[in-house]
Amino acid sequence: WWQRRATAAGLQPVTVSALSRPFPRTRLGRSAPYFTLTQFD
């Protein structure tokens, strides 16, 4: 996904690493969204 998006954004990826990062709920309760984001370096 990153390589496709980077190419469309005018970049040619040379090296890439991906790190999953949890994104905490901003509201309490089961219905609040919970995400896992990926940081690319």
Full PDB file with SEQRES, HELIX, SHEET, SSBOND, CRYST1, ORIGX, SCALE, CONECT and MASTER records, all heavy atoms in Angstrom:
SEQRES   1 A   41  TRP TRP GLN ARG ARG ALA THR ALA ALA GLY LEU GLN PRO          
SEQRES   2 A   41  VAL THR VAL SER ALA LEU SER ARG PRO PHE PRO ARG THR          
SEQRES   3 A   41  ARG LEU GLY ARG SER ALA PRO TYR PHE THR LEU THR GLN          
SEQRES   4 A   41  PHE ASP                                                      
HELIX    1 AA1 TRP A    2  ALA A    8  1                                   7    
SHEET    1 AA1 2 ALA A  18  PHE A  23  0                                        
SHEET    2 AA1 2 PHE A  35  PHE A  40 -1                                        
CRYST1    1.000    1.000    1.000  90.00  90.00  90.00 P 1           1          
ORIGX1      1.000000  0.000000  0.000000        0.00000                         
ORIGX2      0.000000  1.000000  0.000000        0.00000                         
ORIGX3      0.000000  0.000000  1.000000        0.00000                         
SCALE1      1.000000  0.000000  0.000000        0.00000                         
SCALE2      0.000000  1.000000  0.000000        0.00000                         
SCALE3      0.000000  0.000000  1.000000        0.00000                         
ATOM      1  N   TRP A   1       0.846  -1.200   0.000  1.00  0.00           N  
ATOM      2  CA  TRP A   1       0.000   0.000   0.000  1.00  0.00           C  
ATOM      3  C   TRP A   1       0.880   1.248   0.000  1.00  0.00           C  
ATOM      4  O   TRP A   1       0.660   2.173  -0.773  1.00  0.00           O  
ATOM      5  CB  TRP A   1      -0.910  -0.004   1.233  1.00  0.00           C  
ATOM      6  CG  TRP A   1      -1.763   1.220   1.337  1.00  0.00           C  
ATOM      7  CD1 TRP A   1      -3.007   1.401   0.814  1.00  0.00           C  
ATOM      8  CD2 TRP A   1      -1.427   2.453   1.996  1.00  0.00           C  
ATOM      9  NE1 TRP A   1      -3.468   2.663   1.113  1.00  0.00           N  
ATOM     10  CE2 TRP A   1      -2.507   3.331   1.846  1.00  0.00           C  
ATOM     11  CE3 TRP A   1      -0.316   2.895   2.706  1.00  0.00           C  
ATOM     12  CZ2 TRP A   1      -2.522   4.617   2.365  1.00  0.00           C  
ATOM     13  CZ3 TRP A   1      -0.325   4.185   3.220  1.00  0.00           C  
ATOM     14  CH2 TRP A   1      -1.421   5.025   3.054  1.00  0.00           C  
ATOM     15  N   TRP A   2       1.878   1.275   0.893  1.00  0.00           N  
ATOM     16  CA  TRP A   2       2.776   2.423   0.976  1.00  0.00           C  
ATOM     17  C   TRP A   2       3.509   2.644  -0.345  1.00  0.00           C  
ATOM     18  O   TRP A   2       3.621   3.771  -0.814  1.00  0.00           O  
ATOM     19  CB  TRP A   2       3.772   2.269   2.112  1.00  0.00           C  
ATOM     20  CG  TRP A   2       4.949   3.185   1.965  1.00  0.00           C  
ATOM     21  CD1 TRP A   2       6.238   2.824   1.726  1.00  0.00           C  
ATOM     22  CD2 TRP A   2       4.941   4.613   1.995  1.00  0.00           C  
ATOM     23  NE1 TRP A   2       7.025   3.944   1.612  1.00  0.00           N  
ATOM     24  CE2 TRP A   2       6.251   5.059   1.772  1.00  0.00           C  
ATOM     25  CE3 TRP A   2       3.942   5.563   2.180  1.00  0.00           C  
ATOM     26  CZ2 TRP A   2       6.603   6.408   1.739  1.00  0.00           C  
ATOM     27  CZ3 TRP A   2       4.296   6.923   2.149  1.00  0.00           C  
ATOM     28  CH2 TRP A   2       5.605   7.327   1.935  1.00  0.00           C  
ATOM     29  N   GLN A   3       4.004   1.591  -0.958  1.00  0.00           N  
ATOM     30  CA  GLN A   3       4.747   1.749  -2.206  1.00  0.00           C  
ATOM     31  C   GLN A   3       3.865   2.312  -3.317  1.00  0.00           C  
ATOM     32  O   GLN A   3       4.295   3.155  -4.089  1.00  0.00           O  
ATOM     33  CB  GLN A   3       5.389   0.423  -2.606  1.00  0.00           C  
ATOM     34  CG  GLN A   3       6.529   0.054  -1.676  1.00  0.00           C  
ATOM     35  CD  GLN A   3       7.110  -1.321  -1.929  1.00  0.00           C  
ATOM     36  OE1 GLN A   3       6.421  -2.223  -2.387  1.00  0.00           O  
ATOM     37  NE2 GLN A   3       8.384  -1.491  -1.602  1.00  0.00           N  
ATOM     38  N   ARG A   4       2.604   1.862  -3.387  1.00  0.00           N  
ATOM     39  CA  ARG A   4       1.676   2.414  -4.384  1.00  0.00           C  
ATOM     40  C   ARG A   4       1.405   3.895  -4.120  1.00  0.00           C  
ATOM     41  O   ARG A   4       1.445   4.724  -5.033  1.00  0.00           O  
ATOM     42  CB  ARG A   4       0.350   1.646  -4.379  1.00  0.00           C  
ATOM     43  CG  ARG A   4       0.411   0.281  -5.002  1.00  0.00           C  
ATOM     44  CD  ARG A   4      -0.984  -0.315  -5.209  1.00  0.00           C  
ATOM     45  NE  ARG A   4      -1.804  -0.318  -3.999  1.00  0.00           N  
ATOM     46  CZ  ARG A   4      -1.803  -1.269  -3.072  1.00  0.00           C  
ATOM     47  NH1 ARG A   4      -1.005  -2.309  -3.195  1.00  0.00           N  
ATOM     48  NH2 ARG A   4      -2.599  -1.185  -2.016  1.00  0.00           N  
ATOM     49  N   ARG A   5       1.125   4.218  -2.860  1.00  0.00           N  
ATOM     50  CA  ARG A   5       0.819   5.605  -2.511  1.00  0.00           C  
ATOM     51  C   ARG A   5       2.040   6.520  -2.676  1.00  0.00           C  
ATOM     52  O   ARG A   5       1.913   7.655  -3.125  1.00  0.00           O  
ATOM     53  CB  ARG A   5       0.296   5.702  -1.081  1.00  0.00           C  
ATOM     54  CG  ARG A   5      -1.055   5.058  -0.882  1.00  0.00           C  
ATOM     55  CD  ARG A   5      -2.137   5.834  -1.638  1.00  0.00           C  
ATOM     56  NE  ARG A   5      -3.409   5.184  -1.548  1.00  0.00           N  
ATOM     57  CZ  ARG A   5      -4.479   5.704  -0.963  1.00  0.00           C  
ATOM     58  NH1 ARG A   5      -4.425   6.896  -0.433  1.00  0.00           N  
ATOM     59  NH2 ARG A   5      -5.600   5.022  -0.930  1.00  0.00           N  
ATOM     60  N   ALA A   6       3.202   6.029  -2.290  1.00  0.00           N  
ATOM     61  CA  ALA A   6       4.426   6.821  -2.426  1.00  0.00           C  
ATOM     62  C   ALA A   6       4.714   7.117  -3.891  1.00  0.00           C  
ATOM     63  O   ALA A   6       5.058   8.250  -4.243  1.00  0.00           O  
ATOM     64  CB  ALA A   6       5.603   6.097  -1.780  1.00  0.00           C  
ATOM     65  N   THR A   7       4.563   6.130  -4.740  1.00  0.00           N  
ATOM     66  CA  THR A   7       4.801   6.321  -6.168  1.00  0.00           C  
ATOM     67  C   THR A   7       3.836   7.356  -6.739  1.00  0.00           C  
ATOM     68  O   THR A   7       4.244   8.248  -7.494  1.00  0.00           O  
ATOM     69  CB  THR A   7       4.671   4.977  -6.914  1.00  0.00           C  
ATOM     70  OG1 THR A   7       5.636   4.068  -6.371  1.00  0.00           O  
ATOM     71  CG2 THR A   7       4.925   5.140  -8.398  1.00  0.00           C  
ATOM     72  N   ALA A   8       2.568   7.270  -6.364  1.00  0.00           N  
ATOM     73  CA  ALA A   8       1.576   8.240  -6.828  1.00  0.00           C  
ATOM     74  C   ALA A   8       1.855   9.635  -6.274  1.00  0.00           C  
ATOM     75  O   ALA A   8       1.445  10.636  -6.874  1.00  0.00           O  
ATOM     76  CB  ALA A   8       0.177   7.780  -6.430  1.00  0.00           C  
ATOM     77  N   ALA A   9       2.549   9.712  -5.142  1.00  0.00           N  
ATOM     78  CA  ALA A   9       2.865  10.987  -4.507  1.00  0.00           C  
ATOM     79  C   ALA A   9       4.187  11.566  -4.998  1.00  0.00           C  
ATOM     80  O   ALA A   9       4.687  12.537  -4.423  1.00  0.00           O  
ATOM     81  CB  ALA A   9       2.907  10.826  -2.987  1.00  0.00           C  
ATOM     82  N   GLY A  10       4.778  10.996  -6.022  1.00  0.00           N  
ATOM     83  CA  GLY A  10       6.011  11.533  -6.579  1.00  0.00           C  
ATOM     84  C   GLY A  10       7.270  11.065  -5.887  1.00  0.00           C  
ATOM     85  O   GLY A  10       8.294  11.737  -5.945  1.00  0.00           O  
ATOM     86  N   LEU A  11       7.201   9.911  -5.246  1.00  0.00           N  
ATOM     87  CA  LEU A  11       8.373   9.336  -4.582  1.00  0.00           C  
ATOM     88  C   LEU A  11       8.699   7.970  -5.161  1.00  0.00           C  
ATOM     89  O   LEU A  11       7.809   7.238  -5.574  1.00  0.00           O  
ATOM     90  CB  LEU A  11       8.113   9.165  -3.080  1.00  0.00           C  
ATOM     91  CG  LEU A  11       7.895  10.425  -2.272  1.00  0.00           C  
ATOM     92  CD1 LEU A  11       7.421  10.069  -0.870  1.00  0.00           C  
ATOM     93  CD2 LEU A  11       9.170  11.247  -2.209  1.00  0.00           C  
ATOM     94  N   GLN A  12       9.973   7.632  -5.171  1.00  0.00           N  
ATOM     95  CA  GLN A  12      10.419   6.294  -5.534  1.00  0.00           C  
ATOM     96  C   GLN A  12      11.030   5.680  -4.280  1.00  0.00           C  
ATOM     97  O   GLN A  12      12.138   6.041  -3.873  1.00  0.00           O  
ATOM     98  CB  GLN A  12      11.461   6.339  -6.647  1.00  0.00           C  
ATOM     99  CG  GLN A  12      11.992   4.980  -7.019  1.00  0.00           C  
ATOM    100  CD  GLN A  12      13.166   5.083  -7.991  1.00  0.00           C  
ATOM    101  OE1 GLN A  12      13.668   6.160  -8.274  1.00  0.00           O  
ATOM    102  NE2 GLN A  12      13.606   3.949  -8.465  1.00  0.00           N  
ATOM    103  N   PRO A  13      10.291   4.775  -3.601  1.00  0.00           N  
ATOM    104  CA  PRO A  13      10.817   4.180  -2.373  1.00  0.00           C  
ATOM    105  C   PRO A  13      12.118   3.410  -2.624  1.00  0.00           C  
ATOM    106  O   PRO A  13      12.230   2.675  -3.597  1.00  0.00           O  
ATOM    107  CB  PRO A  13       9.707   3.226  -1.931  1.00  0.00           C  
ATOM    108  CG  PRO A  13       8.474   3.733  -2.604  1.00  0.00           C  
ATOM    109  CD  PRO A  13       8.941   4.311  -3.908  1.00  0.00           C  
ATOM    110  N   VAL A  14      13.098   3.617  -1.754  1.00  0.00           N  
ATOM    111  CA  VAL A  14      14.370   2.905  -1.820  1.00  0.00           C  
ATOM    112  C   VAL A  14      14.423   1.867  -0.704  1.00  0.00           C  
ATOM    113  O   VAL A  14      14.730   0.711  -0.935  1.00  0.00           O  
ATOM    114  CB  VAL A  14      15.563   3.890  -1.724  1.00  0.00           C  
ATOM    115  CG1 VAL A  14      16.883   3.144  -1.695  1.00  0.00           C  
ATOM    116  CG2 VAL A  14      15.516   4.891  -2.865  1.00  0.00           C  
ATOM    117  N   THR A  15      14.127   2.307   0.520  1.00  0.00           N  
ATOM    118  CA  THR A  15      14.021   1.388   1.655  1.00  0.00           C  
ATOM    119  C   THR A  15      12.723   1.719   2.387  1.00  0.00           C  
ATOM    120  O   THR A  15      12.239   2.852   2.328  1.00  0.00           O  
ATOM    121  CB  THR A  15      15.189   1.528   2.646  1.00  0.00           C  
ATOM    122  OG1 THR A  15      15.151   2.827   3.229  1.00  0.00           O  
ATOM    123  CG2 THR A  15      16.527   1.293   1.968  1.00  0.00           C  
ATOM    124  N   VAL A  16      12.162   0.735   3.067  1.00  0.00           N  
ATOM    125  CA  VAL A  16      10.944   0.985   3.846  1.00  0.00           C  
ATOM    126  C   VAL A  16      10.875   0.000   5.003  1.00  0.00           C  
ATOM    127  O   VAL A  16      11.274  -1.161   4.873  1.00  0.00           O  
ATOM    128  CB  VAL A  16       9.672   0.896   2.973  1.00  0.00           C  
ATOM    129  CG1 VAL A  16       9.458  -0.491   2.426  1.00  0.00           C  
ATOM    130  CG2 VAL A  16       8.448   1.355   3.748  1.00  0.00           C  
ATOM    131  N   SER A  17      10.429   0.501   6.140  1.00  0.00           N  
ATOM    132  CA  SER A  17      10.098  -0.362   7.272  1.00  0.00           C  
ATOM    133  C   SER A  17       8.730   0.081   7.776  1.00  0.00           C  
ATOM    134  O   SER A  17       8.352   1.241   7.641  1.00  0.00           O  
ATOM    135  CB  SER A  17      11.152  -0.266   8.375  1.00  0.00           C  
ATOM    136  OG  SER A  17      11.164   1.032   8.935  1.00  0.00           O  
ATOM    137  N   ALA A  18       7.998  -0.862   8.333  1.00  0.00           N  
ATOM    138  CA  ALA A  18       6.650  -0.584   8.816  1.00  0.00           C  
ATOM    139  C   ALA A  18       6.545  -0.989  10.276  1.00  0.00           C  
ATOM    140  O   ALA A  18       7.008  -2.058  10.663  1.00  0.00           O  
ATOM    141  CB  ALA A  18       5.628  -1.343   7.978  1.00  0.00           C  
ATOM    142  N   LEU A  19       5.940  -0.132  11.084  1.00  0.00           N  
ATOM    143  CA  LEU A  19       5.770  -0.389  12.503  1.00  0.00           C  
ATOM    144  C   LEU A  19       4.317  -0.130  12.865  1.00  0.00           C  
ATOM    145  O   LEU A  19       3.809   0.986  12.678  1.00  0.00           O  
ATOM    146  CB  LEU A  19       6.690   0.532  13.315  1.00  0.00           C  
ATOM    147  CG  LEU A  19       6.595   0.448  14.829  1.00  0.00           C  
ATOM    148  CD1 LEU A  19       6.997  -0.945  15.320  1.00  0.00           C  
ATOM    149  CD2 LEU A  19       7.464   1.508  15.457  1.00  0.00           C  
ATOM    150  N   SER A  20       3.628  -1.157  13.381  1.00  0.00           N  
ATOM    151  CA  SER A  20       2.239  -0.987  13.808  1.00  0.00           C  
ATOM    152  C   SER A  20       2.206  -0.222  15.122  1.00  0.00           C  
ATOM    153  O   SER A  20       2.993  -0.486  16.026  1.00  0.00           O  
ATOM    154  CB  SER A  20       1.561  -2.340  13.999  1.00  0.00           C  
ATOM    155  OG  SER A  20       1.417  -2.977  12.758  1.00  0.00           O  
ATOM    156  N   ARG A  21       1.282   0.719  15.198  1.00  0.00           N  
ATOM    157  CA  ARG A  21       1.127   1.525  16.407  1.00  0.00           C  
ATOM    158  C   ARG A  21      -0.353   1.576  16.767  1.00  0.00           C  
ATOM    159  O   ARG A  21      -1.162   2.008  15.954  1.00  0.00           O  
ATOM    160  CB  ARG A  21       1.630   2.937  16.189  1.00  0.00           C  
ATOM    161  CG  ARG A  21       3.116   3.000  15.923  1.00  0.00           C  
ATOM    162  CD  ARG A  21       3.579   4.438  15.994  1.00  0.00           C  
ATOM    163  NE  ARG A  21       4.995   4.537  15.895  1.00  0.00           N  
ATOM    164  CZ  ARG A  21       5.818   4.528  16.933  1.00  0.00           C  
ATOM    165  NH1 ARG A  21       5.356   4.402  18.138  1.00  0.00           N  
ATOM    166  NH2 ARG A  21       7.112   4.647  16.760  1.00  0.00           N  
ATOM    167  N   PRO A  22      -0.709   1.170  17.976  1.00  0.00           N  
ATOM    168  CA  PRO A  22      -2.111   1.269  18.380  1.00  0.00           C  
ATOM    169  C   PRO A  22      -2.510   2.731  18.536  1.00  0.00           C  
ATOM    170  O   PRO A  22      -1.709   3.568  18.949  1.00  0.00           O  
ATOM    171  CB  PRO A  22      -2.164   0.534  19.714  1.00  0.00           C  
ATOM    172  CG  PRO A  22      -0.767   0.540  20.212  1.00  0.00           C  
ATOM    173  CD  PRO A  22       0.129   0.594  19.013  1.00  0.00           C  
ATOM    174  N   PHE A  23      -3.707   3.029  18.154  1.00  0.00           N  
ATOM    175  CA  PHE A  23      -4.258   4.371  18.286  1.00  0.00           C  
ATOM    176  C   PHE A  23      -5.385   4.281  19.301  1.00  0.00           C  
ATOM    177  O   PHE A  23      -6.401   3.639  19.041  1.00  0.00           O  
ATOM    178  CB  PHE A  23      -4.776   4.858  16.927  1.00  0.00           C  
ATOM    179  CG  PHE A  23      -5.215   6.283  16.926  1.00  0.00           C  
ATOM    180  CD1 PHE A  23      -4.295   7.296  16.762  1.00  0.00           C  
ATOM    181  CD2 PHE A  23      -6.546   6.614  17.090  1.00  0.00           C  
ATOM    182  CE1 PHE A  23      -4.690   8.625  16.753  1.00  0.00           C  
ATOM    183  CE2 PHE A  23      -6.952   7.942  17.086  1.00  0.00           C  
ATOM    184  CZ  PHE A  23      -6.020   8.944  16.911  1.00  0.00           C  
ATOM    185  N   PRO A  24      -5.233   4.867  20.486  1.00  0.00           N  
ATOM    186  CA  PRO A  24      -6.224   4.660  21.554  1.00  0.00           C  
ATOM    187  C   PRO A  24      -7.561   5.321  21.252  1.00  0.00           C  
ATOM    188  O   PRO A  24      -7.650   6.262  20.473  1.00  0.00           O  
ATOM    189  CB  PRO A  24      -5.563   5.313  22.763  1.00  0.00           C  
ATOM    190  CG  PRO A  24      -4.612   6.303  22.193  1.00  0.00           C  
ATOM    191  CD  PRO A  24      -4.154   5.746  20.875  1.00  0.00           C  
ATOM    192  N   ARG A  25      -8.569   4.791  21.897  1.00  0.00           N  
ATOM    193  CA  ARG A  25      -9.907   5.378  21.792  1.00  0.00           C  
ATOM    194  C   ARG A  25      -9.884   6.768  22.423  1.00  0.00           C  
ATOM    195  O   ARG A  25      -9.253   6.988  23.451  1.00  0.00           O  
ATOM    196  CB  ARG A  25     -10.920   4.502  22.509  1.00  0.00           C  
ATOM    197  CG  ARG A  25     -11.152   3.210  21.807  1.00  0.00           C  
ATOM    198  CD  ARG A  25     -12.217   2.414  22.557  1.00  0.00           C  
ATOM    199  NE  ARG A  25     -12.675   1.323  21.725  1.00  0.00           N  
ATOM    200  CZ  ARG A  25     -12.411   0.063  21.955  1.00  0.00           C  
ATOM    201  NH1 ARG A  25     -11.703  -0.294  23.000  1.00  0.00           N  
ATOM    202  NH2 ARG A  25     -12.857  -0.869  21.146  1.00  0.00           N  
ATOM    203  N   THR A  26     -10.607   7.684  21.818  1.00  0.00           N  
ATOM    204  CA  THR A  26     -10.694   9.030  22.372  1.00  0.00           C  
ATOM    205  C   THR A  26     -11.900   9.177  23.279  1.00  0.00           C  
ATOM    206  O   THR A  26     -11.996  10.122  24.037  1.00  0.00           O  
ATOM    207  CB  THR A  26     -10.767  10.073  21.247  1.00  0.00           C  
ATOM    208  OG1 THR A  26     -11.864   9.754  20.388  1.00  0.00           O  
ATOM    209  CG2 THR A  26      -9.483  10.089  20.440  1.00  0.00           C  
ATOM    210  N   ARG A  27     -12.832   8.217  23.181  1.00  0.00           N  
ATOM    211  CA  ARG A  27     -14.013   8.201  24.056  1.00  0.00           C  
ATOM    212  C   ARG A  27     -14.054   6.852  24.754  1.00  0.00           C  
ATOM    213  O   ARG A  27     -13.592   5.857  24.221  1.00  0.00           O  
ATOM    214  CB  ARG A  27     -15.299   8.346  23.235  1.00  0.00           C  
ATOM    215  CG  ARG A  27     -15.414   9.663  22.496  1.00  0.00           C  
ATOM    216  CD  ARG A  27     -16.667   9.666  21.656  1.00  0.00           C  
ATOM    217  NE  ARG A  27     -16.510   8.671  20.594  1.00  0.00           N  
ATOM    218  CZ  ARG A  27     -17.498   8.132  19.901  1.00  0.00           C  
ATOM    219  NH1 ARG A  27     -18.723   8.453  20.168  1.00  0.00           N  
ATOM    220  NH2 ARG A  27     -17.269   7.258  18.959  1.00  0.00           N  
ATOM    221  N   LEU A  28     -14.647   6.839  25.912  1.00  0.00           N  
ATOM    222  CA  LEU A  28     -14.799   5.578  26.622  1.00  0.00           C  
ATOM    223  C   LEU A  28     -16.040   4.859  26.104  1.00  0.00           C  
ATOM    224  O   LEU A  28     -16.997   5.475  25.678  1.00  0.00           O  
ATOM    225  CB  LEU A  28     -14.922   5.822  28.129  1.00  0.00           C  
ATOM    226  CG  LEU A  28     -13.694   6.476  28.773  1.00  0.00           C  
ATOM    227  CD1 LEU A  28     -13.969   6.742  30.251  1.00  0.00           C  
ATOM    228  CD2 LEU A  28     -12.479   5.596  28.616  1.00  0.00           C  
ATOM    229  N   GLY A  29     -16.012   3.560  26.152  1.00  0.00           N  
ATOM    230  CA  GLY A  29     -17.164   2.779  25.716  1.00  0.00           C  
ATOM    231  C   GLY A  29     -16.802   1.849  24.584  1.00  0.00           C  
ATOM    232  O   GLY A  29     -15.845   2.073  23.851  1.00  0.00           O  
ATOM    233  N   ARG A  30     -17.573   0.811  24.445  1.00  0.00           N  
ATOM    234  CA  ARG A  30     -17.286  -0.199  23.417  1.00  0.00           C  
ATOM    235  C   ARG A  30     -17.490   0.322  22.008  1.00  0.00           C  
ATOM    236  O   ARG A  30     -16.883  -0.168  21.070  1.00  0.00           O  
ATOM    237  CB  ARG A  30     -18.183  -1.415  23.630  1.00  0.00           C  
ATOM    238  CG  ARG A  30     -17.830  -2.215  24.853  1.00  0.00           C  
ATOM    239  CD  ARG A  30     -18.658  -3.446  24.844  1.00  0.00           C  
ATOM    240  NE  ARG A  30     -17.972  -4.453  24.070  1.00  0.00           N  
ATOM    241  CZ  ARG A  30     -17.675  -5.650  24.491  1.00  0.00           C  
ATOM    242  NH1 ARG A  30     -18.012  -6.005  25.698  1.00  0.00           N  
ATOM    243  NH2 ARG A  30     -17.063  -6.508  23.723  1.00  0.00           N  
ATOM    244  N   SER A  31     -18.379   1.284  21.827  1.00  0.00           N  
ATOM    245  CA  SER A  31     -18.671   1.746  20.466  1.00  0.00           C  
ATOM    246  C   SER A  31     -17.636   2.728  19.939  1.00  0.00           C  
ATOM    247  O   SER A  31     -17.661   3.073  18.771  1.00  0.00           O  
ATOM    248  CB  SER A  31     -20.061   2.381  20.415  1.00  0.00           C  
ATOM    249  OG  SER A  31     -20.074   3.544  21.228  1.00  0.00           O  
ATOM    250  N   ALA A  32     -16.740   3.195  20.793  1.00  0.00           N  
ATOM    251  CA  ALA A  32     -15.713   4.124  20.338  1.00  0.00           C  
ATOM    252  C   ALA A  32     -14.759   3.413  19.387  1.00  0.00           C  
ATOM    253  O   ALA A  32     -14.403   2.259  19.598  1.00  0.00           O  
ATOM    254  CB  ALA A  32     -14.944   4.687  21.536  1.00  0.00           C  
ATOM    255  N   PRO A  33     -14.334   4.085  18.320  1.00  0.00           N  
ATOM    256  CA  PRO A  33     -13.441   3.426  17.353  1.00  0.00           C  
ATOM    257  C   PRO A  33     -12.065   3.139  17.940  1.00  0.00           C  
ATOM    258  O   PRO A  33     -11.575   3.886  18.786  1.00  0.00           O  
ATOM    259  CB  PRO A  33     -13.344   4.430  16.213  1.00  0.00           C  
ATOM    260  CG  PRO A  33     -13.674   5.738  16.825  1.00  0.00           C  
ATOM    261  CD  PRO A  33     -14.623   5.459  17.949  1.00  0.00           C  
ATOM    262  N   TYR A  34     -11.469   2.053  17.512  1.00  0.00           N  
ATOM    263  CA  TYR A  34     -10.107   1.694  17.896  1.00  0.00           C  
ATOM    264  C   TYR A  34      -9.366   1.362  16.614  1.00  0.00           C  
ATOM    265  O   TYR A  34      -9.863   0.606  15.782  1.00  0.00           O  
ATOM    266  CB  TYR A  34     -10.089   0.491  18.830  1.00  0.00           C  
ATOM    267  CG  TYR A  34      -8.691   0.097  19.236  1.00  0.00           C  
ATOM    268  CD1 TYR A  34      -8.055   0.750  20.272  1.00  0.00           C  
ATOM    269  CD2 TYR A  34      -8.001  -0.898  18.554  1.00  0.00           C  
ATOM    270  CE1 TYR A  34      -6.775   0.420  20.645  1.00  0.00           C  
ATOM    271  CE2 TYR A  34      -6.705  -1.236  18.919  1.00  0.00           C  
ATOM    272  CZ  TYR A  34      -6.100  -0.575  19.968  1.00  0.00           C  
ATOM    273  OH  TYR A  34      -4.822  -0.902  20.315  1.00  0.00           O  
ATOM    274  N   PHE A  35      -8.206   1.940  16.439  1.00  0.00           N  
ATOM    275  CA  PHE A  35      -7.456   1.754  15.207  1.00  0.00           C  
ATOM    276  C   PHE A  35      -6.063   1.220  15.508  1.00  0.00           C  
ATOM    277  O   PHE A  35      -5.519   1.460  16.581  1.00  0.00           O  
ATOM    278  CB  PHE A  35      -7.285   3.086  14.466  1.00  0.00           C  
ATOM    279  CG  PHE A  35      -8.565   3.771  14.148  1.00  0.00           C  
ATOM    280  CD1 PHE A  35      -9.022   4.808  14.935  1.00  0.00           C  
ATOM    281  CD2 PHE A  35      -9.320   3.380  13.061  1.00  0.00           C  
ATOM    282  CE1 PHE A  35     -10.209   5.450  14.646  1.00  0.00           C  
ATOM    283  CE2 PHE A  35     -10.509   4.008  12.759  1.00  0.00           C  
ATOM    284  CZ  PHE A  35     -10.955   5.044  13.565  1.00  0.00           C  
ATOM    285  N   THR A  36      -5.499   0.539  14.567  1.00  0.00           N  
ATOM    286  CA  THR A  36      -4.079   0.252  14.569  1.00  0.00           C  
ATOM    287  C   THR A  36      -3.514   0.944  13.345  1.00  0.00           C  
ATOM    288  O   THR A  36      -3.921   0.666  12.214  1.00  0.00           O  
ATOM    289  CB  THR A  36      -3.793  -1.259  14.499  1.00  0.00           C  
ATOM    290  OG1 THR A  36      -4.367  -1.881  15.645  1.00  0.00           O  
ATOM    291  CG2 THR A  36      -2.304  -1.525  14.480  1.00  0.00           C  
ATOM    292  N   LEU A  37      -2.631   1.887  13.564  1.00  0.00           N  
ATOM    293  CA  LEU A  37      -2.021   2.637  12.481  1.00  0.00           C  
ATOM    294  C   LEU A  37      -0.645   2.057  12.185  1.00  0.00           C  
ATOM    295  O   LEU A  37      -0.035   1.441  13.048  1.00  0.00           O  
ATOM    296  CB  LEU A  37      -1.889   4.109  12.859  1.00  0.00           C  
ATOM    297  CG  LEU A  37      -3.182   4.819  13.228  1.00  0.00           C  
ATOM    298  CD1 LEU A  37      -2.890   6.248  13.654  1.00  0.00           C  
ATOM    299  CD2 LEU A  37      -4.157   4.795  12.078  1.00  0.00           C  
ATOM    300  N   THR A  38      -0.170   2.250  10.985  1.00  0.00           N  
ATOM    301  CA  THR A  38       1.157   1.784  10.598  1.00  0.00           C  
ATOM    302  C   THR A  38       2.019   2.992  10.274  1.00  0.00           C  
ATOM    303  O   THR A  38       1.622   3.851   9.480  1.00  0.00           O  
ATOM    304  CB  THR A  38       1.086   0.849   9.377  1.00  0.00           C  
ATOM    305  OG1 THR A  38       0.242  -0.253   9.694  1.00  0.00           O  
ATOM    306  CG2 THR A  38       2.468   0.337   9.004  1.00  0.00           C  
ATOM    307  N   GLN A  39       3.165   3.060  10.900  1.00  0.00           N  
ATOM    308  CA  GLN A  39       4.139   4.120  10.619  1.00  0.00           C  
ATOM    309  C   GLN A  39       5.173   3.563   9.666  1.00  0.00           C  
ATOM    310  O   GLN A  39       5.765   2.514   9.923  1.00  0.00           O  
ATOM    311  CB  GLN A  39       4.812   4.580  11.904  1.00  0.00           C  
ATOM    312  CG  GLN A  39       5.898   5.613  11.665  1.00  0.00           C  
ATOM    313  CD  GLN A  39       6.559   6.037  12.953  1.00  0.00           C  
ATOM    314  OE1 GLN A  39       5.921   6.134  13.998  1.00  0.00           O  
ATOM    315  NE2 GLN A  39       7.854   6.285  12.887  1.00  0.00           N  
ATOM    316  N   PHE A  40       5.387   4.271   8.557  1.00  0.00           N  
ATOM    317  CA  PHE A  40       6.376   3.866   7.571  1.00  0.00           C  
ATOM    318  C   PHE A  40       7.583   4.780   7.676  1.00  0.00           C  
ATOM    319  O   PHE A  40       7.448   5.995   7.727  1.00  0.00           O  
ATOM    320  CB  PHE A  40       5.803   3.953   6.151  1.00  0.00           C  
ATOM    321  CG  PHE A  40       4.632   3.047   5.933  1.00  0.00           C  
ATOM    322  CD1 PHE A  40       3.335   3.527   6.021  1.00  0.00           C  
ATOM    323  CD2 PHE A  40       4.824   1.710   5.642  1.00  0.00           C  
ATOM    324  CE1 PHE A  40       2.255   2.695   5.833  1.00  0.00           C  
ATOM    325  CE2 PHE A  40       3.748   0.864   5.456  1.00  0.00           C  
ATOM    326  CZ  PHE A  40       2.460   1.361   5.552  1.00  0.00           C  
ATOM    327  N   ASP A  41       8.768   4.187   7.712  1.00  0.00           N  
ATOM    328  CA  ASP A  41      10.021   4.930   7.717  1.00  0.00           C  
ATOM    329  C   ASP A  41      10.891   4.376   6.603  1.00  0.00           C  
ATOM    330  O   ASP A  41      10.819   3.188   6.286  1.00  0.00           O  
ATOM    331  CB  ASP A  41      10.751   4.763   9.057  1.00  0.00           C  
ATOM    332  CG  ASP A  41      10.009   5.397  10.203  1.00  0.00           C  
ATOM    333  OD1 ASP A  41       9.660   6.581  10.088  1.00  0.00           O  
ATOM    334  OD2 ASP A  41       9.783   4.706  11.210  1.00  0.00           O  
TER     335      ASP A  41                                                      
MASTER        0    0    0    1    2    0    0    6  334    1    0    4          
END                                                                             
